Amino acid sequence: MNRLNRSAEAETSDILIIGMGNVLMQDEGVGVRTVEELESRYHIPDEVVVMDGGTTGTELLAPMRGKRHLIVADAVNTGDAPGTLVRLTDAQVPAFFQTKLSNHQLGLSDLLALLTLSDEAPEHVTIIGMVPHFLENKLGLSPEADAGLPGMVKLLADELGRLGFDLRRRDEPLGAYWADQARNERRGTCA
């Protein structure tokens, strides 16, 4: 069963993982692709909700409200070399917002600020990111970002491990919609 886009369940779960990004802008979609790959390769416990946040904004307010743990996967611009993997958590996150590191940062920082003002902010926020290689108008990750995707998925799995969830790998990976669409586009058969 595909667990992406389950906002009703997100409102009742304590742990929410959101993949952010524009899959039509190459490596900008790495956050969405990371959560898709996490779900494809691992059995996700019922206590954890995984969402494709895409490029949405205020639609994420309700699912983020009052979470114990919010984990965001996204492309980040830290000034580090392309492909660098980044993990920021709790006290590091406000510093992350002092300079624009992500194309979705303004929306995410605004949502967290609104939730803080209403005393409904997540208790813990972690950002898992990758510095993008290319941001071209193209469906699918660059070969370089695609090669780094397993490392970013591992960071998400490790994060869940820190929260006490020992993820079990699937015997056979599930289909991954955006990965399939990118393959189809390369072949010239995109729906």
N, C-alpha and C. Protein backbone atom coordinates (compact mmCIF):
# COMPACT_ATOMS: atom_id res chain seq x y z
N MET A 1 0.84 -1.18 0.00
CA MET A 1 0.00 0.00 0.00
C MET A 1 0.88 1.24 0.00
N ASN A 2 0.57 2.19 -0.84
CA ASN A 2 1.33 3.43 -0.91
C ASN A 2 0.93 4.34 0.24
N ARG A 3 1.90 4.74 1.05
CA ARG A 3 1.61 5.55 2.22
C ARG A 3 1.79 7.04 1.94
N LEU A 4 2.23 7.42 0.76
CA LEU A 4 2.42 8.83 0.46
C LEU A 4 1.08 9.54 0.35
N ASN A 5 1.08 10.82 0.71
CA ASN A 5 -0.12 11.66 0.63
C ASN A 5 -1.23 11.22 1.59
N ARG A 6 -0.90 10.74 2.76
CA ARG A 6 -1.91 10.32 3.74
C ARG A 6 -2.05 11.38 4.82
N SER A 7 -2.58 12.54 4.48
CA SER A 7 -2.63 13.64 5.43
C SER A 7 -3.55 13.35 6.62
N ALA A 8 -4.63 12.60 6.45
CA ALA A 8 -5.52 12.30 7.57
C ALA A 8 -4.78 11.47 8.62
N GLU A 9 -4.01 10.48 8.18
CA GLU A 9 -3.23 9.68 9.12
C GLU A 9 -2.12 10.49 9.74
N ALA A 10 -1.57 11.45 8.99
CA ALA A 10 -0.48 12.28 9.51
C ALA A 10 -0.95 13.09 10.71
N GLU A 11 -2.21 13.45 10.73
CA GLU A 11 -2.71 14.27 11.83
C GLU A 11 -2.80 13.48 13.13
N THR A 12 -2.84 12.15 13.09
CA THR A 12 -2.95 11.36 14.30
C THR A 12 -1.64 10.67 14.70
N SER A 13 -0.64 10.72 13.86
CA SER A 13 0.65 10.08 14.15
C SER A 13 1.58 11.05 14.86
N ASP A 14 2.51 10.53 15.67
CA ASP A 14 3.49 11.38 16.36
C ASP A 14 4.74 11.62 15.52
N ILE A 15 4.96 10.82 14.49
CA ILE A 15 6.18 10.93 13.68
C ILE A 15 5.79 11.10 12.22
N LEU A 16 6.27 12.19 11.63
CA LEU A 16 5.94 12.52 10.25
C LEU A 16 7.22 12.76 9.47
N ILE A 17 7.33 12.09 8.34
CA ILE A 17 8.44 12.32 7.41
C ILE A 17 7.84 12.94 6.16
N ILE A 18 8.36 14.10 5.76
CA ILE A 18 7.87 14.79 4.57
C ILE A 18 9.02 14.92 3.58
N GLY A 19 8.79 14.50 2.35
CA GLY A 19 9.74 14.72 1.27
C GLY A 19 9.31 15.96 0.51
N MET A 20 10.20 16.95 0.46
CA MET A 20 9.90 18.21 -0.22
C MET A 20 10.67 18.25 -1.54
N GLY A 21 10.11 18.96 -2.52
CA GLY A 21 10.86 19.17 -3.75
C GLY A 21 10.00 19.17 -4.98
N ASN A 22 10.57 19.73 -6.04
CA ASN A 22 9.92 19.79 -7.34
C ASN A 22 10.57 18.74 -8.23
N VAL A 23 9.88 17.64 -8.45
CA VAL A 23 10.43 16.54 -9.24
C VAL A 23 10.64 16.90 -10.70
N LEU A 24 10.10 18.04 -11.14
CA LEU A 24 10.27 18.49 -12.52
C LEU A 24 11.53 19.34 -12.70
N MET A 25 12.27 19.54 -11.60
CA MET A 25 13.48 20.36 -11.65
C MET A 25 14.71 19.54 -11.24
N GLN A 26 14.82 18.36 -11.77
CA GLN A 26 15.94 17.46 -11.59
C GLN A 26 16.26 17.24 -10.11
N ASP A 27 17.44 17.62 -9.62
CA ASP A 27 17.86 17.30 -8.25
C ASP A 27 17.06 18.04 -7.18
N GLU A 28 16.28 19.04 -7.58
CA GLU A 28 15.38 19.75 -6.67
C GLU A 28 14.36 18.77 -6.08
N GLY A 29 14.11 17.67 -6.76
CA GLY A 29 13.13 16.68 -6.30
C GLY A 29 13.72 15.58 -5.43
N VAL A 30 14.94 15.75 -4.95
CA VAL A 30 15.60 14.67 -4.20
C VAL A 30 14.87 14.32 -2.91
N GLY A 31 14.22 15.27 -2.27
CA GLY A 31 13.48 14.97 -1.04
C GLY A 31 12.31 14.04 -1.29
N VAL A 32 11.55 14.35 -2.34
CA VAL A 32 10.41 13.50 -2.71
C VAL A 32 10.90 12.11 -3.10
N ARG A 33 11.95 12.07 -3.90
CA ARG A 33 12.50 10.78 -4.33
C ARG A 33 13.05 9.98 -3.14
N THR A 34 13.60 10.66 -2.15
CA THR A 34 14.15 9.96 -0.98
C THR A 34 13.06 9.27 -0.18
N VAL A 35 11.94 9.98 0.09
CA VAL A 35 10.88 9.33 0.87
C VAL A 35 10.20 8.23 0.06
N GLU A 36 10.13 8.43 -1.25
CA GLU A 36 9.56 7.39 -2.12
C GLU A 36 10.44 6.14 -2.06
N GLU A 37 11.73 6.32 -2.10
CA GLU A 37 12.67 5.20 -2.07
C GLU A 37 12.68 4.53 -0.69
N LEU A 38 12.57 5.33 0.38
CA LEU A 38 12.49 4.78 1.73
C LEU A 38 11.29 3.84 1.83
N GLU A 39 10.16 4.31 1.35
CA GLU A 39 8.95 3.50 1.40
C GLU A 39 9.02 2.28 0.49
N SER A 40 9.71 2.42 -0.62
CA SER A 40 9.86 1.31 -1.57
C SER A 40 10.73 0.20 -0.99
N ARG A 41 11.74 0.55 -0.24
CA ARG A 41 12.74 -0.43 0.22
C ARG A 41 12.53 -0.97 1.63
N TYR A 42 11.75 -0.26 2.44
CA TYR A 42 11.57 -0.65 3.85
C TYR A 42 10.09 -0.78 4.21
N HIS A 43 9.82 -1.64 5.17
CA HIS A 43 8.50 -1.70 5.80
C HIS A 43 8.47 -0.56 6.80
N ILE A 44 7.53 0.35 6.63
CA ILE A 44 7.42 1.52 7.50
C ILE A 44 6.42 1.20 8.61
N PRO A 45 6.83 1.38 9.88
CA PRO A 45 5.90 1.09 10.99
C PRO A 45 4.65 1.98 10.91
N ASP A 46 3.55 1.48 11.42
CA ASP A 46 2.29 2.22 11.40
C ASP A 46 2.38 3.55 12.15
N GLU A 47 3.27 3.64 13.12
CA GLU A 47 3.41 4.87 13.92
C GLU A 47 4.09 6.00 13.14
N VAL A 48 4.63 5.69 11.98
CA VAL A 48 5.36 6.67 11.17
C VAL A 48 4.56 6.92 9.89
N VAL A 49 4.32 8.18 9.59
CA VAL A 49 3.64 8.54 8.35
C VAL A 49 4.65 9.20 7.43
N VAL A 50 4.66 8.75 6.18
CA VAL A 50 5.55 9.28 5.15
C VAL A 50 4.67 10.02 4.14
N MET A 51 5.04 11.28 3.86
CA MET A 51 4.25 12.10 2.93
C MET A 51 5.12 12.69 1.83
N ASP A 52 4.56 12.76 0.66
CA ASP A 52 5.15 13.51 -0.44
C ASP A 52 4.62 14.92 -0.30
N GLY A 53 5.47 15.85 0.16
CA GLY A 53 5.05 17.23 0.35
C GLY A 53 5.21 18.05 -0.91
N GLY A 54 5.94 17.51 -1.90
CA GLY A 54 6.14 18.23 -3.15
C GLY A 54 6.57 19.65 -2.92
N THR A 55 5.85 20.58 -3.55
CA THR A 55 6.15 22.01 -3.40
C THR A 55 5.02 22.72 -2.66
N THR A 56 4.22 21.96 -1.92
CA THR A 56 3.08 22.54 -1.20
C THR A 56 3.55 23.42 -0.06
N GLY A 57 2.63 24.18 0.47
CA GLY A 57 2.94 25.08 1.58
C GLY A 57 1.98 24.87 2.72
N THR A 58 0.94 25.70 2.77
CA THR A 58 0.03 25.68 3.92
C THR A 58 -0.72 24.36 4.07
N GLU A 59 -0.77 23.55 3.03
CA GLU A 59 -1.43 22.24 3.14
C GLU A 59 -0.72 21.34 4.15
N LEU A 60 0.55 21.67 4.45
CA LEU A 60 1.32 20.86 5.40
C LEU A 60 1.13 21.30 6.85
N LEU A 61 0.44 22.41 7.06
CA LEU A 61 0.26 22.93 8.41
C LEU A 61 -0.44 21.92 9.32
N ALA A 62 -1.57 21.40 8.88
CA ALA A 62 -2.32 20.44 9.71
C ALA A 62 -1.53 19.16 9.98
N PRO A 63 -0.93 18.54 8.96
CA PRO A 63 -0.17 17.32 9.26
C PRO A 63 1.02 17.54 10.19
N MET A 64 1.62 18.75 10.18
CA MET A 64 2.79 19.03 11.01
C MET A 64 2.42 19.39 12.45
N ARG A 65 1.19 19.77 12.66
CA ARG A 65 0.74 20.30 13.96
C ARG A 65 0.93 19.28 15.09
N GLY A 66 1.67 19.70 16.13
CA GLY A 66 1.80 18.91 17.35
C GLY A 66 2.58 17.61 17.24
N LYS A 67 3.36 17.44 16.21
CA LYS A 67 4.13 16.19 16.06
C LYS A 67 5.22 16.12 17.12
N ARG A 68 5.52 14.90 17.53
CA ARG A 68 6.66 14.69 18.42
C ARG A 68 7.95 14.83 17.61
N HIS A 69 7.95 14.25 16.40
CA HIS A 69 9.12 14.31 15.52
C HIS A 69 8.67 14.63 14.10
N LEU A 70 9.26 15.67 13.52
CA LEU A 70 9.07 16.02 12.12
C LEU A 70 10.42 15.86 11.43
N ILE A 71 10.44 15.05 10.40
CA ILE A 71 11.67 14.84 9.62
C ILE A 71 11.37 15.28 8.20
N VAL A 72 12.18 16.20 7.68
CA VAL A 72 11.99 16.75 6.35
C VAL A 72 13.17 16.35 5.48
N ALA A 73 12.89 15.76 4.32
CA ALA A 73 13.93 15.44 3.33
C ALA A 73 13.80 16.47 2.21
N ASP A 74 14.94 17.08 1.82
CA ASP A 74 14.87 18.15 0.83
C ASP A 74 16.24 18.37 0.21
N ALA A 75 16.25 19.08 -0.91
CA ALA A 75 17.49 19.57 -1.49
C ALA A 75 17.89 20.81 -0.68
N VAL A 76 19.16 20.93 -0.32
CA VAL A 76 19.63 22.07 0.48
C VAL A 76 20.86 22.68 -0.18
N ASN A 77 20.95 24.00 -0.10
CA ASN A 77 22.08 24.71 -0.67
C ASN A 77 22.93 25.25 0.47
N THR A 78 23.90 24.47 0.90
CA THR A 78 24.73 24.85 2.04
C THR A 78 26.05 25.50 1.63
N GLY A 79 26.36 25.47 0.35
CA GLY A 79 27.67 25.94 -0.09
C GLY A 79 28.68 24.81 -0.14
N ASP A 80 28.29 23.64 0.38
CA ASP A 80 29.16 22.46 0.30
C ASP A 80 29.15 21.92 -1.13
N ALA A 81 30.02 20.99 -1.38
CA ALA A 81 30.11 20.38 -2.71
C ALA A 81 28.79 19.68 -3.07
N PRO A 82 28.41 19.72 -4.35
CA PRO A 82 27.21 18.99 -4.77
C PRO A 82 27.29 17.53 -4.33
N GLY A 83 26.17 17.02 -3.87
CA GLY A 83 26.11 15.64 -3.41
C GLY A 83 26.35 15.48 -1.92
N THR A 84 26.81 16.56 -1.26
CA THR A 84 27.04 16.48 0.19
C THR A 84 25.71 16.21 0.89
N LEU A 85 25.72 15.25 1.80
CA LEU A 85 24.53 14.94 2.59
C LEU A 85 24.59 15.72 3.89
N VAL A 86 23.43 16.21 4.33
CA VAL A 86 23.34 17.11 5.47
C VAL A 86 22.29 16.59 6.43
N ARG A 87 22.59 16.64 7.74
CA ARG A 87 21.60 16.33 8.78
C ARG A 87 21.63 17.48 9.79
N LEU A 88 20.51 18.15 9.92
CA LEU A 88 20.36 19.23 10.90
C LEU A 88 19.23 18.85 11.83
N THR A 89 19.41 19.10 13.11
CA THR A 89 18.36 18.72 14.04
C THR A 89 18.20 19.75 15.16
N ASP A 90 16.99 19.88 15.61
CA ASP A 90 16.58 20.71 16.74
C ASP A 90 17.24 22.08 16.75
N ALA A 91 18.22 22.33 17.60
CA ALA A 91 18.81 23.66 17.74
C ALA A 91 19.51 24.13 16.46
N GLN A 92 19.94 23.21 15.62
CA GLN A 92 20.59 23.59 14.36
C GLN A 92 19.59 24.11 13.33
N VAL A 93 18.34 23.74 13.47
CA VAL A 93 17.34 24.10 12.46
C VAL A 93 17.10 25.60 12.39
N PRO A 94 16.94 26.33 13.52
CA PRO A 94 16.78 27.79 13.38
C PRO A 94 17.97 28.45 12.67
N ALA A 95 19.18 27.98 12.91
CA ALA A 95 20.35 28.54 12.23
C ALA A 95 20.26 28.26 10.73
N PHE A 96 19.70 27.12 10.38
CA PHE A 96 19.50 26.75 8.98
C PHE A 96 18.64 27.79 8.28
N PHE A 97 17.67 28.36 8.99
CA PHE A 97 16.74 29.32 8.39
C PHE A 97 17.30 30.73 8.31
N GLN A 98 18.47 31.00 8.93
CA GLN A 98 19.04 32.34 8.87
C GLN A 98 19.57 32.68 7.48
N THR A 99 19.96 31.68 6.72
CA THR A 99 20.34 31.89 5.33
C THR A 99 19.54 30.90 4.49
N LYS A 100 19.16 31.33 3.30
CA LYS A 100 18.29 30.49 2.46
C LYS A 100 19.08 29.32 1.90
N LEU A 101 18.79 28.12 2.40
CA LEU A 101 19.51 26.93 1.99
C LEU A 101 18.66 25.99 1.15
N SER A 102 17.35 26.19 1.18
CA SER A 102 16.44 25.30 0.47
C SER A 102 15.42 26.13 -0.29
N ASN A 103 15.01 25.67 -1.44
CA ASN A 103 13.99 26.38 -2.20
C ASN A 103 12.65 26.39 -1.49
N HIS A 104 12.42 25.48 -0.53
CA HIS A 104 11.16 25.41 0.20
C HIS A 104 11.29 25.94 1.60
N GLN A 105 12.48 26.48 1.90
CA GLN A 105 12.77 26.89 3.25
C GLN A 105 11.81 27.97 3.74
N LEU A 106 11.51 28.97 2.90
CA LEU A 106 10.63 30.04 3.34
C LEU A 106 9.29 29.47 3.76
N GLY A 107 8.69 28.63 2.96
CA GLY A 107 7.42 28.03 3.32
C GLY A 107 7.52 27.18 4.58
N LEU A 108 8.55 26.37 4.68
CA LEU A 108 8.73 25.51 5.85
C LEU A 108 8.99 26.34 7.10
N SER A 109 9.85 27.36 7.00
CA SER A 109 10.13 28.19 8.17
C SER A 109 8.88 28.95 8.60
N ASP A 110 8.08 29.40 7.62
CA ASP A 110 6.83 30.09 7.95
C ASP A 110 5.87 29.15 8.66
N LEU A 111 5.76 27.92 8.17
CA LEU A 111 4.86 26.96 8.81
C LEU A 111 5.31 26.66 10.24
N LEU A 112 6.61 26.47 10.43
CA LEU A 112 7.12 26.21 11.79
C LEU A 112 6.90 27.41 12.69
N ALA A 113 7.05 28.63 12.15
CA ALA A 113 6.81 29.84 12.95
C ALA A 113 5.34 29.93 13.36
N LEU A 114 4.43 29.67 12.42
CA LEU A 114 3.00 29.69 12.75
C LEU A 114 2.67 28.67 13.82
N LEU A 115 3.24 27.47 13.68
CA LEU A 115 2.98 26.43 14.67
C LEU A 115 3.57 26.79 16.03
N THR A 116 4.70 27.47 16.04
CA THR A 116 5.31 27.91 17.29
C THR A 116 4.43 28.96 17.97
N LEU A 117 3.92 29.91 17.19
CA LEU A 117 3.05 30.95 17.75
C LEU A 117 1.79 30.37 18.37
N SER A 118 1.28 29.30 17.79
CA SER A 118 0.06 28.68 18.33
C SER A 118 0.38 27.55 19.31
N ASP A 119 1.66 27.45 19.69
CA ASP A 119 2.13 26.42 20.64
C ASP A 119 1.81 25.01 20.16
N GLU A 120 1.92 24.79 18.82
CA GLU A 120 1.66 23.49 18.22
C GLU A 120 2.84 23.00 17.38
N ALA A 121 4.01 23.58 17.59
CA ALA A 121 5.19 23.21 16.81
C ALA A 121 5.63 21.79 17.15
N PRO A 122 6.21 21.09 16.18
CA PRO A 122 6.77 19.77 16.49
C PRO A 122 7.82 19.89 17.60
N GLU A 123 7.88 18.88 18.47
CA GLU A 123 8.86 18.89 19.55
C GLU A 123 10.28 18.81 19.01
N HIS A 124 10.48 18.00 17.98
CA HIS A 124 11.80 17.81 17.38
C HIS A 124 11.67 17.92 15.87
N VAL A 125 12.59 18.66 15.25
CA VAL A 125 12.62 18.81 13.80
C VAL A 125 14.00 18.41 13.31
N THR A 126 14.01 17.55 12.30
CA THR A 126 15.26 17.12 11.67
C THR A 126 15.14 17.35 10.18
N ILE A 127 16.18 17.92 9.60
CA ILE A 127 16.23 18.10 8.15
C ILE A 127 17.34 17.22 7.61
N ILE A 128 16.97 16.36 6.67
CA ILE A 128 17.92 15.50 5.96
C ILE A 128 17.98 16.04 4.54
N GLY A 129 19.16 16.42 4.08
CA GLY A 129 19.24 17.03 2.78
C GLY A 129 20.44 16.60 1.96
N MET A 130 20.37 16.96 0.69
CA MET A 130 21.48 16.74 -0.24
C MET A 130 21.68 18.04 -1.01
N VAL A 131 22.94 18.44 -1.15
CA VAL A 131 23.26 19.59 -1.99
C VAL A 131 23.09 19.13 -3.44
N PRO A 132 22.23 19.83 -4.21
CA PRO A 132 21.93 19.37 -5.57
C PRO A 132 23.11 19.56 -6.52
N HIS A 133 23.17 18.70 -7.51
CA HIS A 133 24.17 18.81 -8.58
C HIS A 133 23.64 19.72 -9.68
N PHE A 134 22.41 19.45 -10.15
CA PHE A 134 21.82 20.18 -11.27
C PHE A 134 20.37 20.51 -10.98
N LEU A 135 19.94 21.70 -11.37
CA LEU A 135 18.56 22.14 -11.17
C LEU A 135 17.98 22.57 -12.52
N GLU A 136 17.91 21.63 -13.42
CA GLU A 136 17.39 21.92 -14.76
C GLU A 136 15.95 21.46 -14.86
N ASN A 137 15.23 22.01 -15.81
CA ASN A 137 13.84 21.65 -16.04
C ASN A 137 13.78 20.27 -16.68
N LYS A 138 13.87 19.25 -15.82
CA LYS A 138 13.98 17.88 -16.30
C LYS A 138 13.43 16.93 -15.24
N LEU A 139 12.64 15.98 -15.65
CA LEU A 139 12.10 14.98 -14.74
C LEU A 139 13.18 13.96 -14.42
N GLY A 140 13.38 13.67 -13.16
CA GLY A 140 14.37 12.68 -12.75
C GLY A 140 15.63 13.32 -12.23
N LEU A 141 16.28 12.62 -11.31
CA LEU A 141 17.52 13.11 -10.73
C LEU A 141 18.67 12.99 -11.71
N SER A 142 19.69 13.82 -11.51
CA SER A 142 20.92 13.66 -12.29
C SER A 142 21.55 12.33 -11.91
N PRO A 143 22.39 11.76 -12.76
CA PRO A 143 23.06 10.50 -12.40
C PRO A 143 23.84 10.62 -11.09
N GLU A 144 24.42 11.79 -10.85
CA GLU A 144 25.20 11.99 -9.62
C GLU A 144 24.30 11.97 -8.38
N ALA A 145 23.17 12.67 -8.43
CA ALA A 145 22.24 12.67 -7.30
C ALA A 145 21.60 11.30 -7.12
N ASP A 146 21.29 10.63 -8.23
CA ASP A 146 20.74 9.29 -8.16
C ASP A 146 21.70 8.34 -7.45
N ALA A 147 22.99 8.51 -7.72
CA ALA A 147 24.00 7.67 -7.05
C ALA A 147 24.07 7.96 -5.56
N GLY A 148 23.76 9.19 -5.15
CA GLY A 148 23.79 9.55 -3.74
C GLY A 148 22.49 9.28 -3.00
N LEU A 149 21.44 8.95 -3.75
CA LEU A 149 20.13 8.71 -3.14
C LEU A 149 20.14 7.63 -2.06
N PRO A 150 20.83 6.49 -2.26
CA PRO A 150 20.85 5.48 -1.19
C PRO A 150 21.43 6.01 0.13
N GLY A 151 22.40 6.91 0.05
CA GLY A 151 22.96 7.49 1.27
C GLY A 151 21.94 8.35 2.00
N MET A 152 21.14 9.09 1.25
CA MET A 152 20.12 9.92 1.87
C MET A 152 19.01 9.06 2.47
N VAL A 153 18.65 7.98 1.78
CA VAL A 153 17.66 7.04 2.31
C VAL A 153 18.19 6.42 3.61
N LYS A 154 19.48 6.10 3.63
CA LYS A 154 20.09 5.54 4.85
C LYS A 154 20.02 6.53 6.01
N LEU A 155 20.24 7.83 5.72
CA LEU A 155 20.13 8.83 6.78
C LEU A 155 18.71 8.85 7.36
N LEU A 156 17.70 8.72 6.51
CA LEU A 156 16.32 8.66 7.01
C LEU A 156 16.10 7.40 7.84
N ALA A 157 16.58 6.27 7.35
CA ALA A 157 16.43 5.02 8.09
C ALA A 157 17.16 5.10 9.43
N ASP A 158 18.36 5.69 9.43
CA ASP A 158 19.12 5.86 10.68
C ASP A 158 18.37 6.77 11.64
N GLU A 159 17.73 7.81 11.10
CA GLU A 159 16.96 8.73 11.95
C GLU A 159 15.82 7.99 12.63
N LEU A 160 15.14 7.14 11.89
CA LEU A 160 14.07 6.34 12.50
C LEU A 160 14.65 5.35 13.51
N GLY A 161 15.85 4.84 13.24
CA GLY A 161 16.53 3.97 14.20
C GLY A 161 16.79 4.69 15.52
N ARG A 162 17.21 5.96 15.45
CA ARG A 162 17.43 6.76 16.67
C ARG A 162 16.14 6.94 17.46
N LEU A 163 15.01 6.89 16.75
CA LEU A 163 13.71 7.03 17.41
C LEU A 163 13.16 5.68 17.89
N GLY A 164 13.96 4.62 17.73
CA GLY A 164 13.57 3.31 18.24
C GLY A 164 12.91 2.39 17.24
N PHE A 165 12.93 2.75 15.95
CA PHE A 165 12.33 1.91 14.92
C PHE A 165 13.42 1.21 14.13
N ASP A 166 13.45 -0.10 14.25
CA ASP A 166 14.39 -0.90 13.48
C ASP A 166 13.69 -1.32 12.19
N LEU A 167 13.98 -0.61 11.10
CA LEU A 167 13.28 -0.87 9.85
C LEU A 167 13.69 -2.21 9.24
N ARG A 168 12.71 -2.92 8.73
CA ARG A 168 12.97 -4.18 8.01
C ARG A 168 12.96 -3.89 6.53
N ARG A 169 13.98 -4.38 5.82
CA ARG A 169 14.03 -4.23 4.36
C ARG A 169 12.98 -5.12 3.72
N ARG A 170 12.43 -4.66 2.64
CA ARG A 170 11.48 -5.46 1.87
C ARG A 170 12.25 -6.50 1.07
N ASP A 171 11.67 -7.67 0.89
CA ASP A 171 12.30 -8.69 0.04
C ASP A 171 12.41 -8.19 -1.39
N GLU A 172 11.36 -7.56 -1.87
CA GLU A 172 11.33 -6.96 -3.21
C GLU A 172 10.88 -5.51 -3.06
N PRO A 173 11.62 -4.56 -3.61
CA PRO A 173 11.19 -3.16 -3.51
C PRO A 173 9.84 -2.95 -4.19
N LEU A 174 9.06 -2.04 -3.62
CA LEU A 174 7.80 -1.64 -4.24
C LEU A 174 8.10 -0.75 -5.43
N GLY A 175 7.12 -0.55 -6.26
CA GLY A 175 7.27 0.40 -7.37
C GLY A 175 7.44 1.80 -6.82
N ALA A 176 8.17 2.62 -7.53
CA ALA A 176 8.40 4.00 -7.12
C ALA A 176 7.94 4.89 -8.27
N TYR A 177 6.83 5.57 -8.08
CA TYR A 177 6.17 6.31 -9.15
C TYR A 177 7.11 7.29 -9.86
N TRP A 178 7.76 8.19 -9.11
CA TRP A 178 8.58 9.22 -9.75
C TRP A 178 9.83 8.63 -10.39
N ALA A 179 10.38 7.60 -9.80
CA ALA A 179 11.53 6.92 -10.43
C ALA A 179 11.08 6.28 -11.74
N ASP A 180 9.90 5.66 -11.73
CA ASP A 180 9.37 5.06 -12.95
C ASP A 180 9.11 6.11 -14.03
N GLN A 181 8.54 7.26 -13.64
CA GLN A 181 8.26 8.32 -14.60
C GLN A 181 9.55 8.86 -15.22
N ALA A 182 10.59 9.00 -14.42
CA ALA A 182 11.88 9.48 -14.93
C ALA A 182 12.46 8.47 -15.94
N ARG A 183 12.35 7.18 -15.61
CA ARG A 183 12.82 6.15 -16.56
C ARG A 183 12.04 6.19 -17.86
N ASN A 184 10.72 6.36 -17.74
CA ASN A 184 9.87 6.44 -18.93
C ASN A 184 10.23 7.67 -19.78
N GLU A 185 10.51 8.80 -19.12
CA GLU A 185 10.88 10.00 -19.89
C GLU A 185 12.20 9.76 -20.66
N ARG A 186 13.16 9.14 -19.99
CA ARG A 186 14.44 8.86 -20.67
C ARG A 186 14.22 7.96 -21.88
N ARG A 187 13.25 7.05 -21.78
CA ARG A 187 12.94 6.14 -22.90
C ARG A 187 12.01 6.79 -23.92
N GLY A 188 11.43 7.94 -23.55
CA GLY A 188 10.47 8.59 -24.45
C GLY A 188 9.08 8.02 -24.36
N THR A 189 8.74 7.36 -23.21
CA THR A 189 7.43 6.73 -23.07
C THR A 189 6.66 7.31 -21.87
N CYS A 190 6.98 8.52 -21.45
CA CYS A 190 6.33 9.12 -20.27
C CYS A 190 4.85 9.32 -20.54
N ALA A 191 4.03 8.94 -19.54
CA ALA A 191 2.56 9.02 -19.69
C ALA A 191 2.08 10.45 -19.58
